[in-house]
Protein backbone atom coordinates (compact mmCIF):
# COMPACT_ATOMS: atom_id res chain seq x y z
CA MET A 1 -88.18 -40.38 69.92
CA THR A 2 -88.26 -42.17 72.02
CA THR A 3 -90.49 -44.90 73.95
CA GLY A 4 -92.72 -43.43 77.11
CA PRO A 5 -95.35 -45.29 78.09
CA GLY A 6 -99.52 -44.57 78.99
CA GLU A 7 -101.77 -43.12 76.93
CA ALA A 8 -101.72 -40.57 73.72
CA GLU A 9 -102.78 -37.08 73.80
CA LEU A 10 -103.96 -36.46 70.50
CA ALA A 11 -102.21 -35.28 67.85
CA ARG A 12 -103.33 -31.10 67.71
CA VAL A 13 -103.76 -30.68 71.48
CA ALA A 14 -100.81 -31.93 72.06
CA TYR A 15 -98.53 -29.65 69.82
CA ARG A 16 -100.31 -26.19 71.09
CA ARG A 17 -98.20 -27.48 74.15
CA LEU A 18 -94.83 -28.78 71.93
CA ALA A 19 -95.21 -25.19 70.15
CA PRO A 20 -92.43 -23.69 72.46
CA VAL A 21 -89.98 -26.44 72.18
CA TYR A 22 -91.24 -27.87 68.41
CA ASP A 23 -88.03 -26.28 66.93
CA VAL A 24 -85.71 -29.21 68.47
CA GLU A 25 -84.16 -31.05 66.56
CA ASN A 26 -83.63 -35.38 67.31
CA PRO A 27 -82.91 -37.79 65.01
CA VAL A 28 -86.08 -38.35 63.63
CA THR A 29 -85.83 -34.61 62.43
CA ALA A 30 -82.37 -34.94 60.64
CA LEU A 31 -82.94 -37.94 59.21
CA GLU A 32 -86.24 -36.81 58.16
CA GLN A 33 -84.83 -33.76 56.58
CA ARG A 34 -81.92 -35.13 54.48
CA ALA A 35 -84.67 -37.42 53.06
CA VAL A 36 -86.21 -34.11 52.09
CA ALA A 37 -83.91 -32.97 51.05
CA GLU A 38 -82.35 -34.70 48.66
CA LEU A 39 -86.02 -36.14 47.33
CA THR A 40 -86.39 -32.68 46.71
CA PRO A 41 -86.22 -31.07 43.18
CA SER A 42 -84.52 -26.71 42.32
CA LEU A 43 -87.27 -24.91 43.60
CA ALA A 44 -85.87 -22.54 41.29
CA GLY A 45 -89.06 -20.27 39.84
CA THR A 46 -91.49 -22.61 42.09
CA TRP A 47 -94.80 -22.39 43.37
CA LEU A 48 -94.21 -25.02 46.62
CA LEU A 49 -96.68 -26.07 50.04
CA ASP A 50 -95.55 -27.16 53.14
CA ALA A 51 -98.50 -29.10 53.96
CA ALA A 52 -98.35 -29.51 58.14
CA CYS A 53 -95.34 -26.82 58.57
CA GLY A 54 -95.01 -26.49 61.97
CA THR A 55 -93.97 -23.25 62.96
CA GLY A 56 -92.83 -22.72 59.67
CA ARG A 57 -89.25 -23.92 60.29
CA ARG A 58 -88.65 -26.06 56.98
CA LEU A 59 -89.66 -22.94 54.70
CA PRO A 60 -87.08 -20.97 52.46
CA PRO A 61 -87.15 -18.17 51.99
CA VAL A 62 -88.54 -16.71 48.26
CA GLY A 63 -86.67 -15.34 45.68
CA ARG A 64 -83.03 -15.39 44.96
CA GLY A 65 -83.74 -18.80 43.35
CA GLY A 66 -85.75 -20.38 45.10
CA PRO A 67 -89.40 -21.17 45.73
CA GLU A 68 -91.31 -18.03 43.42
CA ARG A 69 -94.18 -18.22 45.92
CA VAL A 70 -94.52 -20.63 49.47
CA VAL A 71 -97.21 -21.48 51.38
CA GLY A 72 -97.41 -23.28 54.91
CA VAL A 73 -99.78 -24.81 56.92
CA ASP A 74 -100.44 -26.08 59.49
CA LEU A 75 -104.26 -27.65 61.66
CA VAL A 76 -102.67 -25.32 65.43
CA VAL A 77 -102.05 -22.46 64.87
CA GLU A 78 -100.15 -21.85 68.50
CA MET A 79 -97.48 -23.69 66.10
CA LEU A 80 -97.96 -20.74 63.58
CA GLU A 81 -97.43 -18.84 65.64
CA VAL A 82 -93.97 -19.67 67.25
CA ARG A 83 -92.27 -18.59 63.99
CA SER A 84 -92.60 -19.03 60.20
CA GLY A 85 -90.76 -17.77 57.20
CA ALA A 86 -90.67 -14.35 56.26
CA SER A 87 -91.74 -13.94 53.34
CA ALA A 88 -94.55 -17.53 53.82
CA LEU A 89 -98.87 -16.31 53.60
CA ILE A 90 -98.88 -18.50 56.77
CA ALA A 91 -102.11 -20.39 56.90
CA ALA A 92 -104.21 -22.83 59.34
CA ALA A 93 -105.71 -25.89 57.62
CA ASP A 94 -106.62 -29.38 57.82
CA LEU A 95 -104.18 -31.21 56.28
CA ARG A 96 -107.51 -32.99 54.04
CA ALA A 97 -109.31 -29.88 53.40
CA LEU A 98 -105.92 -27.88 52.08
CA PRO A 99 -108.02 -24.02 51.42
CA PHE A 100 -107.11 -23.87 47.80
CA ARG A 101 -107.31 -24.35 44.25
CA ALA A 102 -107.22 -27.32 42.11
CA HIS A 103 -103.88 -27.51 40.38
CA THR A 104 -102.04 -24.31 42.30
CA PHE A 105 -98.16 -25.95 43.30
CA HIS A 106 -95.29 -27.45 41.30
CA VAL A 107 -93.57 -29.26 44.98
CA VAL A 108 -95.64 -30.37 47.79
CA TRP A 109 -93.63 -31.53 51.43
CA CYS A 110 -96.22 -33.04 53.92
CA ARG A 111 -93.83 -33.92 56.36
CA LEU A 112 -93.98 -36.06 59.46
CA ALA A 113 -97.12 -35.53 59.73
CA ALA A 114 -100.00 -38.60 58.16
CA GLY A 115 -98.88 -40.51 60.78
CA HIS A 116 -101.52 -38.80 62.87
CA LEU A 117 -104.58 -39.60 60.17
CA PRO A 118 -106.10 -43.09 61.21
CA GLU A 119 -105.95 -43.35 57.56
CA LEU A 120 -104.25 -41.80 54.32
CA ALA A 121 -107.05 -41.33 51.54
CA ARG A 122 -107.98 -38.49 51.65
CA LEU A 123 -104.64 -36.87 52.28
CA TYR A 124 -103.64 -37.94 49.05
CA GLY A 125 -107.21 -36.44 47.82
CA GLU A 126 -105.90 -33.57 49.03
CA LEU A 127 -102.35 -33.21 48.30
CA ALA A 128 -103.14 -33.90 44.26
CA ARG A 129 -106.39 -31.46 43.58
CA VAL A 130 -103.81 -28.97 44.93
CA ALA A 131 -100.48 -30.09 42.93
CA ARG A 132 -100.64 -28.97 38.99
CA PRO A 133 -99.74 -31.94 36.99
CA GLY A 134 -96.10 -33.35 36.68
CA ALA A 135 -95.95 -31.72 40.80
CA HIS A 136 -93.14 -33.14 42.54
CA LEU A 137 -94.69 -35.00 46.10
CA ILE A 138 -92.90 -35.82 48.88
CA VAL A 139 -93.82 -36.97 52.03
CA THR A 140 -92.34 -38.11 54.82
CA ASP A 141 -94.05 -40.12 58.03
CA PHE A 142 -92.68 -41.67 60.91
CA HIS A 143 -90.84 -45.83 60.14
CA PRO A 144 -93.57 -48.77 61.14
CA ALA A 145 -89.88 -50.52 61.45
CA ALA A 146 -88.99 -48.07 64.12
CA ALA A 147 -92.70 -48.31 66.36
CA ARG A 148 -91.68 -52.02 65.72
CA ALA A 149 -89.14 -51.81 68.33
CA GLY A 150 -91.28 -50.09 70.74
CA HIS A 151 -90.56 -46.01 69.79
CA THR A 152 -93.02 -43.43 69.88
CA ARG A 153 -93.52 -40.28 68.66
CA THR A 154 -92.64 -38.55 71.83
CA PHE A 155 -90.84 -34.95 73.33
CA ARG A 156 -91.04 -33.11 76.28
CA ASP A 157 -92.60 -30.74 76.56
CA GLU A 158 -91.55 -26.87 78.95
CA ARG A 159 -91.79 -28.60 82.16
CA GLY A 160 -89.51 -31.74 80.54
CA ALA A 161 -92.70 -33.96 80.45
CA ALA A 162 -92.70 -36.53 78.51
CA ARG A 163 -95.35 -36.08 75.76
CA THR A 164 -96.36 -39.03 73.14
CA ILE A 165 -98.66 -38.68 70.81
CA GLU A 166 -100.90 -40.79 68.96
CA HIS A 167 -99.74 -42.00 66.27
CA PHE A 168 -100.47 -44.43 63.31
CA HIS A 169 -98.58 -46.94 61.69
CA HIS A 170 -98.80 -46.82 57.42
CA ASP A 171 -96.31 -48.40 55.60
CA VAL A 172 -95.22 -48.48 51.77
CA GLU A 173 -97.88 -50.35 50.83
CA ALA A 174 -100.28 -47.98 52.43
CA HIS A 175 -99.15 -44.98 51.27
CA ALA A 176 -99.20 -46.25 47.64
CA ALA A 177 -102.51 -48.07 47.74
CA ALA A 178 -103.91 -44.54 49.13
CA ALA A 179 -101.49 -42.72 46.55
CA ARG A 180 -102.88 -44.22 43.44
CA PRO A 181 -106.49 -43.60 42.77
CA ALA A 182 -105.61 -39.97 43.47
CA GLY A 183 -103.89 -40.34 40.50
CA LEU A 184 -100.56 -40.31 41.71
CA VAL A 185 -97.44 -42.69 40.54
CA LEU A 186 -94.78 -43.25 43.24
CA ASP A 187 -91.31 -42.80 42.13
CA SER A 188 -89.13 -43.75 44.73
CA VAL A 189 -88.24 -44.76 48.19
CA ARG A 190 -86.09 -43.24 51.08
CA GLU A 191 -85.61 -45.12 54.37
CA PRO A 192 -83.14 -43.42 56.21
CA ALA A 193 -81.25 -45.73 59.40
CA VAL A 194 -79.75 -44.68 62.45
CA GLY A 195 -76.02 -44.32 62.05
CA PRO A 196 -72.85 -42.14 62.94
CA GLU A 197 -75.11 -38.91 61.05
CA VAL A 198 -77.57 -38.96 64.23
CA ARG A 199 -74.42 -40.31 66.75
CA GLY A 200 -74.79 -36.20 68.38
CA PHE A 201 -78.17 -37.02 70.06
CA TYR A 202 -77.60 -40.03 71.59
CA ALA A 203 -73.93 -39.23 73.35
CA ASP A 204 -75.39 -36.04 74.13
CA ALA A 205 -78.54 -38.23 75.36
CA GLY A 206 -75.90 -40.31 77.45
CA ARG A 207 -77.28 -42.87 75.22
CA LEU A 208 -75.02 -44.37 73.34
CA ASP A 209 -75.58 -48.42 74.37
CA ALA A 210 -78.89 -47.25 72.09
CA TYR A 211 -77.55 -46.40 69.71
CA GLU A 212 -75.54 -49.38 69.71
CA ARG A 213 -77.99 -50.97 69.97
CA GLN A 214 -80.11 -49.62 66.79
CA LEU A 215 -77.91 -49.35 64.42
CA GLY A 216 -79.48 -49.81 61.26
CA LEU A 217 -82.88 -49.24 61.66
CA PRO A 218 -85.14 -46.90 60.03
CA LEU A 219 -87.00 -44.38 61.53
CA VAL A 220 -88.60 -42.17 58.48
CA LEU A 221 -90.03 -43.30 55.43
CA ALA A 222 -89.68 -40.47 52.68
CA LEU A 223 -91.66 -41.09 50.13
CA ALA A 224 -91.32 -39.31 46.71
CA LEU A 225 -94.26 -39.11 44.03
CA ARG A 226 -95.16 -37.32 40.73
CA ALA A 227 -98.84 -35.58 40.17
């Protein structure tokens, strides 16, 4: 993620263009992956939904001590066409209208997608609807502190052009306020920040000066909820 000027593109349009390079890791995705790993319970024998799965690169394999069923959905068909988990079921769908029956999944992920929505009530309503009673929900977002520090959700496309994606800033209270009416309980929060774990990304980009300035700045907001 970098700071970039100009108008932000609508997420659906931008991700169509970014699909071929979406899997390139950056400080935000690396920190987010660690947080999800820490907050996700054992997936053995579960039904897992990754809502806004992108290319499906994070979908775990089915069986062998893992989940019994894995489902990924994303709004952008071009993202789903890049690659998907070999044993996962994939569907194109809006987060606010998931094509599943109520009480289907034991674990639900919604990763770095909430900020593309101007309001969160419908998102949490749908995540809660498809979650089984007692299910674990892991929701991650671009941290509002990073936005206040001048970061934007900016990526480079296949041609190297910077593309800033429209993003809405939601803090912990906004997430919690949207989750409560849906019957979800906030269990814990993680706020992974710039530190040694992501120093290599800054070094590779020749931006160690930025790394020193940003040490301790949270880039990801991660929430664990229970249905």
